[in-house]
Protein backbone atom coordinates (compact mmCIF):
# COMPACT_ATOMS: atom_id res chain seq x y z
CA MET A 1 256.03 -11.60 197.19
CA LYS A 2 252.26 -11.05 197.75
CA LEU A 3 252.37 -8.74 193.95
CA ARG A 4 254.87 -11.38 191.93
CA VAL A 5 252.29 -13.90 192.39
CA PHE A 6 249.62 -12.28 191.18
CA LEU A 7 251.24 -10.71 187.97
CA LEU A 8 251.96 -14.03 187.45
CA MET A 9 248.68 -15.60 187.74
CA ALA A 10 246.80 -12.51 185.62
CA GLY A 11 249.51 -13.24 182.79
CA LEU A 12 249.09 -16.99 182.72
CA ALA A 13 245.22 -15.97 182.95
CA LEU A 14 245.37 -13.17 179.45
CA ALA A 15 247.08 -15.90 177.54
CA ALA A 16 245.12 -18.72 177.93
CA GLY A 17 242.29 -16.05 177.07
CA LEU A 18 244.18 -15.07 173.71
CA GLY A 19 244.58 -18.47 172.61
CA TRP A 20 241.64 -19.85 173.55
CA LEU A 21 240.50 -16.99 170.73
CA ALA A 22 242.74 -17.85 168.15
CA GLY A 23 241.43 -21.32 168.06
CA GLN A 24 238.41 -20.07 167.78
CA ARG A 25 238.88 -17.63 164.81
CA THR A 26 241.05 -20.59 162.74
CA ALA A 27 237.78 -22.98 163.53
CA HIS A 28 235.29 -20.72 162.14
CA PRO A 29 236.06 -18.24 159.85
CA PRO A 30 233.76 -15.32 159.84
CA GLU A 31 231.93 -15.47 156.32
CA SER A 32 232.54 -12.34 156.43
CA ALA A 33 236.78 -13.15 156.15
CA ALA A 34 235.33 -13.69 152.07
CA PRO A 35 237.77 -12.43 149.93
CA ALA A 36 237.47 -8.46 149.34
CA GLY A 37 234.99 -8.87 152.31
CA ARG A 38 232.41 -10.68 149.83
CA LYS A 39 229.49 -12.39 151.75
CA ILE A 40 229.34 -16.69 151.39
CA LEU A 41 225.83 -16.86 149.85
CA TYR A 42 226.10 -21.15 149.56
CA TYR A 43 228.56 -24.03 148.66
CA GLN A 44 228.06 -25.76 145.36
CA SER A 45 229.43 -29.20 143.51
CA SER A 46 231.43 -28.34 140.61
CA MET A 47 230.76 -31.45 139.17
CA HIS A 48 226.58 -31.89 140.05
CA PRO A 49 225.76 -28.19 140.21
CA TRP A 50 222.31 -29.10 141.18
CA ILE A 51 224.50 -30.15 145.04
CA LYS A 52 223.66 -26.84 147.04
CA SER A 53 224.25 -26.60 150.62
CA ASP A 54 224.59 -23.73 153.06
CA LYS A 55 227.89 -25.70 155.42
CA PRO A 56 231.23 -26.08 153.93
CA GLY A 57 230.95 -30.50 153.28
CA LYS A 58 230.95 -32.51 150.16
CA CYS A 59 229.22 -33.50 146.94
CA THR A 60 226.78 -36.84 148.44
CA ILE A 61 227.34 -37.81 144.52
CA CYS A 62 230.83 -37.50 144.10
CA GLY A 63 232.40 -36.88 147.28
CA MET A 64 234.21 -33.58 145.94
CA ASP A 65 234.83 -30.64 148.86
CA LEU A 66 232.22 -28.06 147.61
CA VAL A 67 233.14 -24.64 146.61
CA PRO A 68 231.95 -21.44 148.23
CA VAL A 69 229.81 -18.97 145.81
CA PHE A 70 230.39 -15.62 146.79
CA GLU A 71 227.74 -12.77 146.64
CA GLY A 72 227.90 -11.02 143.12
CA GLU A 73 228.59 -14.43 141.60
CA LYS A 74 226.83 -16.49 139.70
CA GLY A 75 228.12 -20.13 140.64
CA PHE A 76 227.99 -23.08 138.42
CA GLN A 77 225.36 -23.26 135.54
CA VAL A 78 222.88 -26.07 135.83
CA ALA A 79 222.23 -27.34 132.06
CA ASP A 80 219.77 -26.59 130.07
CA ASN A 81 218.22 -30.13 130.51
CA LEU A 82 217.90 -30.06 133.88
CA VAL A 83 215.19 -29.31 136.45
CA VAL A 84 216.36 -28.51 140.08
CA LEU A 85 213.33 -28.17 142.34
CA SER A 86 213.69 -28.00 146.56
CA THR A 87 213.69 -30.52 148.09
CA SER A 88 210.40 -29.34 150.37
CA SER A 89 208.31 -29.06 146.70
CA VAL A 90 209.44 -32.60 145.48
CA PRO A 91 206.25 -34.04 148.16
CA VAL A 92 204.15 -31.56 147.52
CA VAL A 93 203.99 -32.13 143.27
CA ASN A 94 204.16 -35.88 144.47
CA VAL A 95 207.26 -36.76 142.67
CA ARG A 96 207.12 -40.61 142.44
CA SER A 97 210.31 -42.05 139.87
CA GLU A 98 210.98 -45.85 139.36
CA PRO A 99 213.74 -47.56 137.52
CA VAL A 100 213.84 -47.99 134.36
CA ALA A 101 214.44 -52.79 133.38
CA ARG A 102 213.82 -54.85 131.46
CA ARG A 103 210.37 -56.77 131.05
CA PRO A 104 208.00 -58.41 129.18
CA LEU A 105 205.28 -56.17 127.66
CA THR A 106 201.75 -57.11 127.30
CA ARG A 107 198.78 -55.90 125.63
CA THR A 108 195.19 -56.87 125.48
CA LEU A 109 193.65 -56.28 122.47
CA ARG A 110 190.04 -54.89 121.53
CA PHE A 111 188.35 -55.36 118.81
CA ALA A 112 184.54 -55.23 117.19
CA GLY A 113 183.53 -56.41 113.73
CA THR A 114 180.92 -58.89 112.01
CA ILE A 115 180.04 -63.03 112.01
CA GLN A 116 179.72 -63.76 108.36
CA ASP A 117 179.04 -66.61 106.16
CA ASN A 118 181.96 -68.47 104.67
CA GLU A 119 182.46 -66.91 100.90
CA THR A 120 184.39 -69.76 99.67
CA ARG A 121 180.66 -72.07 101.03
CA ARG A 122 178.16 -69.55 99.05
CA ARG A 123 176.13 -70.81 96.10
CA TYR A 124 173.94 -69.20 93.17
CA ILE A 125 171.23 -71.25 92.33
CA SER A 126 170.45 -69.80 89.04
CA ALA A 127 167.61 -70.35 85.88
CA TYR A 128 169.69 -72.88 83.55
CA VAL A 129 166.54 -72.23 80.97
CA ASP A 130 163.35 -70.40 80.68
CA GLY A 131 160.38 -71.79 82.17
CA ARG A 132 157.85 -71.19 85.22
CA VAL A 133 157.68 -72.19 88.72
CA ASP A 134 155.17 -74.17 89.31
CA GLN A 135 155.66 -74.97 92.86
CA LEU A 136 158.17 -73.90 95.74
CA ALA A 137 159.09 -76.64 98.53
CA ILE A 138 160.95 -74.18 100.32
CA ASN A 139 159.52 -71.11 100.79
CA TYR A 140 160.88 -69.35 103.26
CA LEU A 141 164.53 -67.87 104.27
CA GLY A 142 166.68 -69.43 106.56
CA ALA A 143 165.58 -73.15 106.16
CA GLU A 144 168.38 -76.09 106.43
CA VAL A 145 168.34 -78.22 103.57
CA VAL A 146 170.78 -80.81 102.67
CA GLU A 147 172.61 -81.82 98.71
CA GLY A 148 169.95 -83.34 96.55
CA GLN A 149 166.69 -81.76 98.44
CA ARG A 150 163.65 -80.39 96.18
CA LEU A 151 163.62 -76.97 96.06
CA ALA A 152 160.94 -76.10 93.73
CA THR A 153 159.19 -77.74 90.58
CA PHE A 154 160.02 -76.31 87.62
CA TYR A 155 158.15 -76.50 83.85
CA SER A 156 160.36 -76.13 80.60
CA PRO A 157 160.02 -76.49 77.34
CA ASN A 158 163.43 -76.16 75.97
CA LEU A 159 164.58 -78.30 78.76
CA LEU A 160 161.44 -80.59 78.22
CA ALA A 161 162.08 -81.56 74.56
CA ALA A 162 165.98 -82.17 75.70
CA GLU A 163 164.54 -84.79 77.54
CA ARG A 164 162.69 -86.65 75.47
CA GLU A 165 165.39 -86.32 73.00
CA TYR A 166 167.86 -88.25 75.06
CA GLN A 167 164.54 -90.85 75.94
CA ALA A 168 164.58 -91.21 72.84
CA LEU A 169 168.43 -91.87 71.98
CA LEU A 170 167.94 -94.93 74.95
CA LYS A 171 164.74 -96.41 73.32
CA PRO A 172 166.01 -99.89 71.10
CA ASP A 173 164.87 -98.71 67.22
CA PRO A 174 162.54 -101.11 65.80
CA GLN A 175 163.31 -101.25 62.41
CA ALA A 176 166.85 -102.29 63.02
CA GLY A 177 165.69 -105.88 62.56
CA GLY A 178 167.10 -107.93 65.65
CA ASN A 179 170.19 -105.55 65.07
CA ASP A 180 172.05 -103.98 68.45
CA LEU A 181 172.77 -100.40 67.20
CA GLN A 182 172.64 -99.77 70.74
CA GLY A 183 176.66 -99.09 70.77
CA GLN A 184 176.52 -96.84 67.35
CA ARG A 185 174.08 -94.42 69.25
CA SER A 186 176.36 -94.39 71.77
CA PRO A 187 178.21 -90.70 71.04
CA LEU A 188 175.23 -89.09 70.50
CA ILE A 189 173.69 -90.34 73.96
CA ALA A 190 177.03 -89.10 75.72
CA ALA A 191 176.05 -85.59 74.47
CA ALA A 192 172.47 -85.38 74.78
CA ALA A 193 173.58 -86.24 78.42
CA GLN A 194 176.15 -83.25 78.42
CA ARG A 195 173.01 -81.26 77.24
CA LEU A 196 171.23 -81.87 79.75
CA LYS A 197 174.11 -81.40 82.20
CA GLN A 198 174.34 -77.76 80.96
CA LEU A 199 170.70 -77.18 81.07
CA GLY A 200 171.01 -77.98 84.60
CA LEU A 201 169.96 -81.66 85.54
CA THR A 202 172.49 -83.88 88.09
CA ASP A 203 174.34 -87.16 87.25
CA ARG A 204 171.79 -88.78 89.57
CA GLN A 205 168.30 -86.51 87.14
CA ILE A 206 169.96 -87.68 83.79
CA SER A 207 169.75 -91.22 85.18
CA SER A 208 166.56 -91.65 85.95
CA LEU A 209 164.94 -89.93 82.58
CA ALA A 210 164.60 -93.99 81.46
CA GLU A 211 162.29 -94.37 84.27
CA LYS A 212 160.40 -91.25 83.38
CA ALA A 213 156.90 -91.43 81.94
CA ALA A 214 155.86 -89.97 79.42
CA THR A 215 153.09 -87.38 81.16
CA GLU A 216 155.85 -86.16 83.43
CA THR A 217 156.36 -82.72 81.94
CA HIS A 218 158.19 -81.26 84.57
CA THR A 219 161.59 -81.52 86.47
CA GLU A 220 163.24 -80.71 90.08
CA ILE A 221 165.09 -77.83 91.52
CA LEU A 222 167.67 -79.51 93.56
CA ALA A 223 169.98 -78.17 96.36
CA PRO A 224 173.96 -78.31 94.67
CA MET A 225 174.90 -78.41 98.45
CA SER A 226 173.92 -78.59 102.00
CA GLY A 227 173.27 -75.34 103.68
CA THR A 228 170.38 -72.73 104.88
CA VAL A 229 168.68 -70.51 102.67
CA MET A 230 169.75 -67.33 102.52
CA GLU A 231 167.94 -65.76 99.81
CA ARG A 232 164.28 -66.55 98.01
CA SER A 233 164.15 -64.41 94.49
CA ILE A 234 160.66 -66.96 93.23
CA TYR A 235 157.42 -67.08 93.97
CA GLU A 236 155.37 -70.09 92.38
CA GLY A 237 153.57 -69.77 89.08
CA GLN A 238 156.52 -66.97 88.23
CA TYR A 239 158.07 -66.97 84.85
CA VAL A 240 161.99 -66.83 84.61
CA LYS A 241 164.41 -66.09 82.12
CA GLU A 242 167.62 -67.84 81.97
CA GLY A 243 169.94 -66.87 84.61
CA ASP A 244 167.62 -64.94 86.64
CA ARG A 245 168.76 -65.94 90.64
CA LEU A 246 166.30 -68.56 92.25
CA PHE A 247 168.42 -69.40 95.49
CA THR A 248 171.16 -68.22 97.57
CA LEU A 249 172.37 -71.08 99.72
CA ALA A 250 175.17 -70.65 102.00
CA ASP A 251 177.17 -72.82 104.57
CA PHE A 252 177.25 -72.03 108.25
CA SER A 253 178.62 -74.70 109.96
CA THR A 254 181.35 -72.81 109.91
CA MET A 255 181.76 -68.87 110.07
CA TRP A 256 183.86 -65.97 109.70
CA PHE A 257 184.42 -63.46 112.41
CA VAL A 258 185.84 -60.10 110.37
CA PHE A 259 187.10 -57.04 112.04
CA ASP A 260 189.20 -54.19 111.44
CA VAL A 261 192.94 -53.67 112.81
CA TYR A 262 194.87 -50.89 112.87
CA GLU A 263 198.18 -50.14 111.65
CA ARG A 264 199.68 -49.67 115.31
CA ASP A 265 198.69 -52.51 116.22
CA LEU A 266 199.07 -55.15 113.07
CA GLY A 267 202.30 -55.52 114.76
CA TRP A 268 200.96 -57.58 118.06
CA LEU A 269 198.65 -60.04 116.10
CA GLN A 270 200.27 -63.06 113.62
CA LEU A 271 198.19 -66.54 112.14
CA GLY A 272 197.54 -68.42 114.35
CA GLN A 273 196.98 -65.97 117.19
CA ALA A 274 194.52 -67.48 120.21
CA LEU A 275 191.51 -64.72 120.71
CA GLU A 276 188.38 -65.16 123.18
CA ILE A 277 185.29 -63.83 121.06
CA THR A 278 182.31 -62.94 123.31
CA VAL A 279 178.47 -62.10 121.25
CA PRO A 280 176.05 -60.00 123.01
CA ALA A 281 173.54 -62.31 121.45
CA LEU A 282 174.59 -65.07 123.69
CA PRO A 283 175.35 -63.58 127.06
CA GLY A 284 177.71 -65.31 128.88
CA LYS A 285 179.43 -67.22 125.73
CA THR A 286 182.59 -66.93 125.14
CA CYS A 287 184.37 -68.84 121.86
CA SER A 288 187.71 -69.24 121.69
CA ALA A 289 189.63 -69.09 117.93
CA THR A 290 192.94 -68.89 116.39
CA VAL A 291 193.02 -65.94 113.19
CA SER A 292 193.26 -67.88 110.29
CA PHE A 293 193.95 -64.63 107.65
CA ILE A 294 194.93 -61.50 107.73
CA GLU A 295 194.66 -59.27 104.59
CA PRO A 296 197.99 -57.94 103.11
CA SER A 297 196.51 -54.53 101.96
CA LEU A 298 195.70 -51.70 104.20
CA ASN A 299 192.48 -49.46 103.61
CA GLU A 300 193.83 -46.16 102.49
CA LEU A 301 191.17 -44.10 104.36
CA THR A 302 190.83 -46.02 107.39
CA ARG A 303 194.50 -47.00 107.70
CA SER A 304 193.61 -50.44 108.44
CA ALA A 305 193.34 -54.37 107.52
CA LYS A 306 191.04 -56.85 107.53
CA VAL A 307 191.83 -59.72 109.70
CA ARG A 308 189.55 -62.91 109.71
CA VAL A 309 189.02 -66.02 112.53
CA GLU A 310 186.97 -68.91 111.85
CA LEU A 311 184.30 -70.12 114.07
CA PRO A 312 182.38 -73.49 114.35
CA ASN A 313 178.60 -72.69 114.48
CA PRO A 314 176.56 -76.15 115.45
CA LEU A 315 173.08 -76.63 114.43
CA LEU A 316 170.47 -76.71 117.24
CA GLN A 317 166.06 -77.34 117.52
CA ARG A 318 164.88 -74.14 118.20
CA ASN A 319 160.46 -74.42 118.09
CA GLY A 320 160.51 -77.12 116.31
CA ARG A 321 163.28 -76.62 113.53
CA PRO A 322 166.89 -76.59 113.18
CA GLN A 323 168.84 -73.31 113.53
CA ARG A 324 172.65 -72.95 113.69
CA GLU A 325 173.49 -71.15 116.68
CA LEU A 326 175.35 -67.86 115.16
CA LEU A 327 172.90 -66.12 112.76
CA ASN A 328 174.21 -64.59 110.21
CA ARG A 329 175.97 -60.91 110.36
CA LEU A 330 175.91 -60.92 114.38
CA TYR A 331 177.62 -58.52 115.80
CA ALA A 332 180.65 -59.86 118.38
CA GLU A 333 183.68 -58.39 120.06
CA ALA A 334 187.02 -60.12 120.24
CA GLU A 335 189.79 -59.53 123.29
CA VAL A 336 193.73 -61.10 122.73
CA LYS A 337 195.83 -60.77 125.43
CA VAL A 338 199.83 -60.89 123.92
CA GLU A 339 203.07 -60.63 125.57
CA SER A 340 206.24 -60.60 124.30
CA PRO A 341 209.64 -60.94 126.04
CA GLY A 342 210.96 -59.29 127.68
CA VAL A 343 212.12 -55.73 126.67
CA LEU A 344 213.71 -52.58 127.97
CA ALA A 345 210.26 -50.40 128.92
CA VAL A 346 208.92 -47.83 131.52
CA PRO A 347 205.75 -46.84 132.36
CA ARG A 348 203.96 -45.26 130.42
CA THR A 349 203.00 -42.45 132.25
CA ALA A 350 206.99 -41.61 132.33
CA ILE A 351 206.77 -40.17 129.02
CA LEU A 352 205.35 -36.77 127.59
CA SER A 353 204.87 -36.34 124.52
CA PRO A 354 204.53 -32.44 123.51
CA GLY A 355 204.96 -31.84 119.72
CA GLY A 356 204.95 -35.71 118.89
CA GLN A 357 208.50 -35.76 120.28
CA PRO A 358 208.49 -38.87 123.31
CA LEU A 359 210.26 -37.49 126.51
CA ALA A 360 210.70 -38.50 130.03
CA TYR A 361 212.30 -37.01 133.19
CA VAL A 362 215.42 -39.08 134.43
CA ASP A 363 215.80 -38.86 138.49
CA LYS A 364 219.19 -37.40 139.12
CA GLY A 365 218.85 -37.44 142.79
CA GLN A 366 218.55 -34.17 145.14
CA ALA A 367 215.48 -33.35 143.25
CA THR A 368 217.32 -32.85 140.08
CA TYR A 369 215.73 -34.39 137.24
CA GLU A 370 217.17 -34.19 133.63
CA LEU A 371 215.07 -34.27 130.40
CA ARG A 372 215.24 -36.75 128.07
CA PRO A 373 214.52 -37.41 124.43
CA LEU A 374 213.18 -40.73 123.72
CA LYS A 375 213.04 -43.17 120.56
CA THR A 376 209.97 -45.28 121.47
CA GLY A 377 208.99 -49.05 120.23
CA ARG A 378 205.84 -50.79 121.14
CA VAL A 379 203.29 -49.77 123.49
CA GLY A 380 201.67 -52.28 126.24
CA ASP A 381 198.76 -51.60 128.41
CA GLU A 382 201.34 -50.42 131.18
CA PHE A 383 204.43 -50.21 129.90
CA CYS A 384 205.91 -48.43 126.86
CA GLU A 385 209.08 -50.07 125.03
CA VAL A 386 212.83 -47.91 124.91
CA LEU A 387 214.41 -48.11 121.92
CA GLU A 388 217.15 -45.51 122.29
CA GLY A 389 217.66 -42.11 125.31
CA LEU A 390 217.51 -44.33 128.21
CA SER A 391 219.54 -47.12 130.41
CA GLU A 392 218.33 -49.96 132.20
CA GLY A 393 218.89 -49.34 136.13
CA GLU A 394 218.22 -45.34 135.65
CA LYS A 395 214.63 -44.13 137.07
CA VAL A 396 212.55 -41.82 136.04
CA VAL A 397 209.42 -40.06 136.52
CA THR A 398 206.30 -41.84 136.74
CA GLN A 399 204.17 -39.37 138.70
CA GLY A 400 204.62 -36.02 138.91
CA ASN A 401 206.16 -35.10 135.24
CA LEU A 402 203.92 -32.44 134.00
CA MET A 403 204.42 -30.51 136.60
CA ILE A 404 208.22 -30.81 136.31
CA ASP A 405 207.90 -30.29 132.94
CA SER A 406 206.49 -27.23 133.57
CA GLN A 407 208.93 -26.27 135.93
CA ALA A 408 211.27 -26.23 133.00
CA GLN A 409 209.16 -24.06 130.36
CA LEU A 410 208.99 -21.03 133.32
CA ASN A 411 212.77 -21.61 133.43
CA ARG A 412 213.40 -21.10 130.57
CA SER A 413 211.12 -18.26 129.84
CA ALA A 414 212.41 -16.56 132.62
CA LYS A 415 216.08 -16.98 131.30
CA GLY A 416 214.97 -16.56 127.82
CA PRO A 417 217.24 -18.61 125.30
CA ASP A 418 216.33 -20.93 122.63
CA PRO A 419 213.57 -23.13 123.99
CA LEU A 420 214.01 -27.07 124.32
CA PRO A 421 213.97 -29.40 121.69
CA HIS A 422 210.30 -30.35 121.93
CA GLU A 423 209.57 -26.95 122.53
CA HIS A 424 211.05 -25.94 119.20
CA ALA A 425 208.32 -29.17 117.65
CA ALA A 426 205.42 -27.39 119.15
CA MET A 427 206.49 -24.00 117.67
CA ASP A 428 207.09 -26.21 114.04
CA SER A 429 203.75 -27.50 114.66
CA LYS A 430 202.48 -24.46 114.53
CA PRO A 431 203.04 -22.21 111.30
CA GLN A 432 200.24 -20.05 109.78
CA PRO A 433 198.98 -22.93 106.92
CA PRO A 434 197.80 -21.63 103.78
CA PRO A 435 193.72 -21.19 102.96
CA VAL A 436 192.42 -24.23 102.84
CA SER A 437 190.45 -26.05 99.78
CA GLU A 438 186.90 -26.80 100.66
CA ALA A 439 187.13 -30.74 100.14
CA GLN A 440 189.87 -30.56 102.75
CA ALA A 441 187.66 -28.07 105.20
CA ALA A 442 184.93 -30.55 104.96
CA GLY A 443 187.62 -33.38 106.07
CA VAL A 444 188.53 -31.14 108.65
CA ARG A 445 184.99 -30.58 110.14
CA GLU A 446 183.93 -34.08 110.28
CA LEU A 447 186.88 -34.52 112.23
CA LEU A 448 185.72 -31.87 114.98
CA ALA A 449 182.79 -32.67 114.49
CA ALA A 450 183.78 -36.23 115.89
CA ALA A 451 185.62 -35.16 118.61
CA HIS A 452 182.83 -33.02 119.31
CA ALA A 453 180.43 -35.83 120.16
CA ALA A 454 183.18 -38.32 121.61
CA SER A 455 183.06 -34.92 123.84
CA GLN A 456 179.02 -34.91 124.52
CA ALA A 457 179.08 -38.30 125.24
CA LEU A 458 181.13 -38.13 128.23
CA ALA A 459 179.36 -35.47 129.23
CA ASN A 460 176.17 -37.40 129.11
CA ASP A 461 178.06 -40.01 130.96
CA ASP A 462 177.52 -42.78 127.68
CA LEU A 463 179.97 -44.56 126.85
CA PRO A 464 178.87 -46.57 124.02
CA GLY A 465 178.20 -43.05 122.63
CA TYR A 466 181.91 -42.25 122.81
CA GLN A 467 183.73 -46.50 121.83
CA ALA A 468 181.60 -45.21 118.85
CA ALA A 469 182.24 -41.59 118.43
CA SER A 470 186.10 -42.57 119.60
CA HIS A 471 186.16 -45.37 116.04
CA ARG A 472 185.11 -42.75 113.87
CA LEU A 473 187.28 -39.93 115.38
CA MET A 474 190.77 -42.48 114.96
CA ALA A 475 188.91 -43.13 110.76
CA LEU A 476 189.09 -39.58 109.89
CA SER A 477 191.80 -38.18 111.13
CA GLY A 478 193.83 -40.11 109.40
CA GLN A 479 191.26 -39.35 105.93
CA ALA A 480 191.60 -35.85 106.67
CA ARG A 481 195.39 -36.15 106.92
CA GLN A 482 195.42 -37.22 103.31
CA ALA A 483 193.38 -34.94 102.07
CA PHE A 484 197.18 -32.69 102.82
CA PRO A 485 200.41 -32.36 101.35
CA PRO A 486 203.29 -34.08 103.16
CA ASP A 487 204.46 -30.26 102.69
CA HIS A 488 201.29 -29.00 104.33
CA PRO A 489 202.17 -28.00 108.08
CA TRP A 490 198.19 -29.29 109.25
CA HIS A 491 199.76 -32.79 107.45
CA ASN A 492 201.92 -32.83 110.37
CA THR A 493 199.72 -31.84 112.97
CA LEU A 494 196.71 -34.47 111.78
CA GLN A 495 199.85 -37.18 111.97
CA ASP A 496 200.29 -36.56 115.36
CA LEU A 497 196.96 -36.46 116.17
CA GLU A 498 196.02 -39.03 114.57
CA LYS A 499 199.28 -41.47 116.47
CA VAL A 500 197.42 -39.90 120.15
CA ALA A 501 193.54 -40.46 119.19
CA PRO A 502 190.82 -42.39 121.22
CA ARG A 503 190.76 -46.00 120.76
CA GLY A 504 187.31 -46.12 122.09
CA GLU A 505 188.11 -49.65 123.86
CA THR A 506 188.12 -48.35 127.79
CA ALA A 507 186.11 -50.42 130.01
CA ASP A 508 184.28 -47.92 131.88
CA LEU A 509 183.89 -44.18 132.06
CA LYS A 510 186.92 -43.19 133.99
CA LEU A 511 189.41 -44.55 131.89
CA ALA A 512 187.72 -43.34 128.75
CA ARG A 513 188.36 -39.60 130.50
CA GLN A 514 191.88 -39.90 130.76
CA GLU A 515 191.94 -41.50 127.24
CA PHE A 516 190.49 -38.37 126.09
CA ASN A 517 192.92 -35.86 128.32
CA THR A 518 195.62 -37.43 126.37
CA PHE A 519 193.87 -36.23 123.25
CA SER A 520 191.80 -33.75 124.39
CA PRO A 521 194.91 -31.20 124.31
CA ARG A 522 196.40 -31.70 121.23
CA LEU A 523 193.19 -31.19 119.28
CA VAL A 524 192.93 -27.55 121.42
CA GLU A 525 196.00 -26.61 120.31
CA TRP A 526 194.70 -27.04 116.79
CA ALA A 527 191.78 -25.66 117.43
CA LYS A 528 193.51 -22.29 118.08
CA GLN A 529 195.16 -21.85 115.09
CA LEU A 530 191.65 -23.10 113.49
CA ARG A 531 190.21 -20.11 115.08
CA LYS A 532 192.38 -17.69 113.15
CA GLN A 533 190.53 -18.68 109.91
CA LYS A 534 186.95 -17.01 109.29
CA THR A 535 186.20 -21.20 108.35
CA PHE A 536 186.15 -22.07 112.13
CA ALA A 537 185.84 -18.70 114.22
CA GLU A 538 183.12 -20.15 116.04
CA LEU A 539 184.95 -23.13 117.63
CA LYS A 540 184.53 -23.21 121.49
CA ILE A 541 187.68 -23.95 124.04
CA TYR A 542 186.99 -24.32 127.44
CA HIS A 543 189.31 -25.11 130.28
CA CYS A 544 188.09 -26.89 133.74
CA PRO A 545 190.13 -26.26 136.73
CA MET A 546 188.84 -28.70 138.75
CA ALA A 547 189.55 -31.63 136.06
CA PRO A 548 193.28 -33.63 135.57
CA LYS A 549 195.80 -31.14 134.29
CA PRO A 550 195.37 -29.93 131.40
CA GLY A 551 191.94 -30.57 131.01
CA VAL A 552 190.74 -28.81 128.46
CA TRP A 553 188.55 -29.33 125.58
CA MET A 554 187.06 -28.71 121.73
CA GLN A 555 183.12 -27.54 120.83
CA LEU A 556 181.51 -26.71 117.92
CA LYS A 557 179.15 -24.80 120.11
CA GLY A 558 178.24 -23.59 123.44
CA PRO A 559 176.28 -24.52 126.39
CA LEU A 560 179.84 -25.73 128.36
CA ARG A 561 179.66 -29.28 129.05
CA ASN A 562 181.99 -30.87 131.36
CA PRO A 563 183.30 -34.01 130.00
CA TYR A 564 185.83 -35.03 132.78
CA TYR A 565 182.21 -35.20 134.94
CA GLY A 566 179.97 -35.14 133.68
CA SER A 567 176.03 -35.07 135.53
CA GLU A 568 178.22 -34.53 138.55
CA MET A 569 179.82 -31.10 137.37
CA LEU A 570 178.89 -30.23 133.78
CA ASP A 571 178.87 -26.46 134.56
CA CYS A 572 182.13 -26.55 135.47
CA GLY A 573 184.49 -24.93 133.76
CA GLU A 574 185.48 -21.43 131.59
CA GLU A 575 185.68 -20.44 127.76
CA VAL A 576 189.10 -19.91 127.04
CA ALA A 577 188.94 -16.46 125.05
CA PRO A 578 190.97 -16.59 121.41
């Protein structure tokens, strides 16, 4: 009996153990249970290949079951325009994204120009007849005169004879026998008066000739308008010929502020646009004015148009003399803040421009980023208008995109297929060009000299010098481009350089160096091509590992002078060998 009970209990325990083991094998099948004994490497989403896991589960985007990928299989391939980073590397490269949204596009434009007199209110006073200047009533420049004021006393035999003839016609004829012949002489008097006008006399001077004494032989030269004496070309006792210039008068009550606007900024300006104008000669003073004229044609060399603003110029008393507040040909600066209606825009830092093609990386989630070519519009202070390539609500990478782009190029290099579209553009911009003419080479040398000057100014911590070199660099890039025919490879290269040429409008050295670091890499790529030609073989290219990427620059000659840190680390860097 005891033996039967023992065997029954042992059978039950064995059955329970076998059942538990079977359950465990069903719930957790071993990896070696894969077909043909292959090992499962990972689980992957077939719809979103960048979603991977080391455990079974569902896709975090579409919810589909993850498919196992076995040893020896490639799994689902990620598209060429996708870059997948490990989740741990995203914080390391400091990747940040921001949604694409519609927002007002604001832009602050700064211009430099000169204050000039109103050309339509300038008068030249010339000699109407030969004669001699016997006395000057105004003998210094800058004098304020009013209309009709005496400027000089003039003697001219021809003018005196015409005056005597007119006076004789005004007197009654004693042989008329009391008959009034004045009416019969009226046409003669009118003709004599007209001749006096042609000789430079005013109506008031002509009407006063009737009382002019016979002993008075001089005539006064009067101011034809109120204004400021800009030029005096005569001295007392000087003989002058008909047509010689005596004085130049200008109306300084309203001045013109004239400045150049490059064609890429013309779309922001319009007639009536409000500006704030500052004049270094008047510290602390700001003038508000509006745009009154925009030149209808561009200067072909500088690709800019003249813009004019009218400024009131009050008359002040200085040192006991009247003087206008704004002097002629003063340097001045203008600032205008414009805002467009809401447009689809992304931060400027989100856009890369390798090979001249605007690009952005779209954050697809799960540390995956899609390369997207763009068509851009106007560029604001912080945002850039997007015309094609992005949709509202998508997230674009605003920080760390350079590192992502570098990873994309590394991936492409490892895989070996055709390069990405922007790499095609970069390759197309680097063909070996035919030999250049001396005139073309001279234009290129001028451009390189301006770039060298901008680099050296930053190395010297000289912001005004950088601004001046940048303005020249922008003008020379367009001028050099026009020296090459459109089918010449360097024509497109210079066109791309012109788009990213520094403006020199930054307010401090830090921003200036950031601006320079956008332009300099493009110039360096071209300089590498230039060095292959004997004419430009002496160009120097340097790299600073401490500077923000890529941190390269070109110099016409050594020694190395770091534009990214200036006096802090002037010698930091290394030369890039040809």
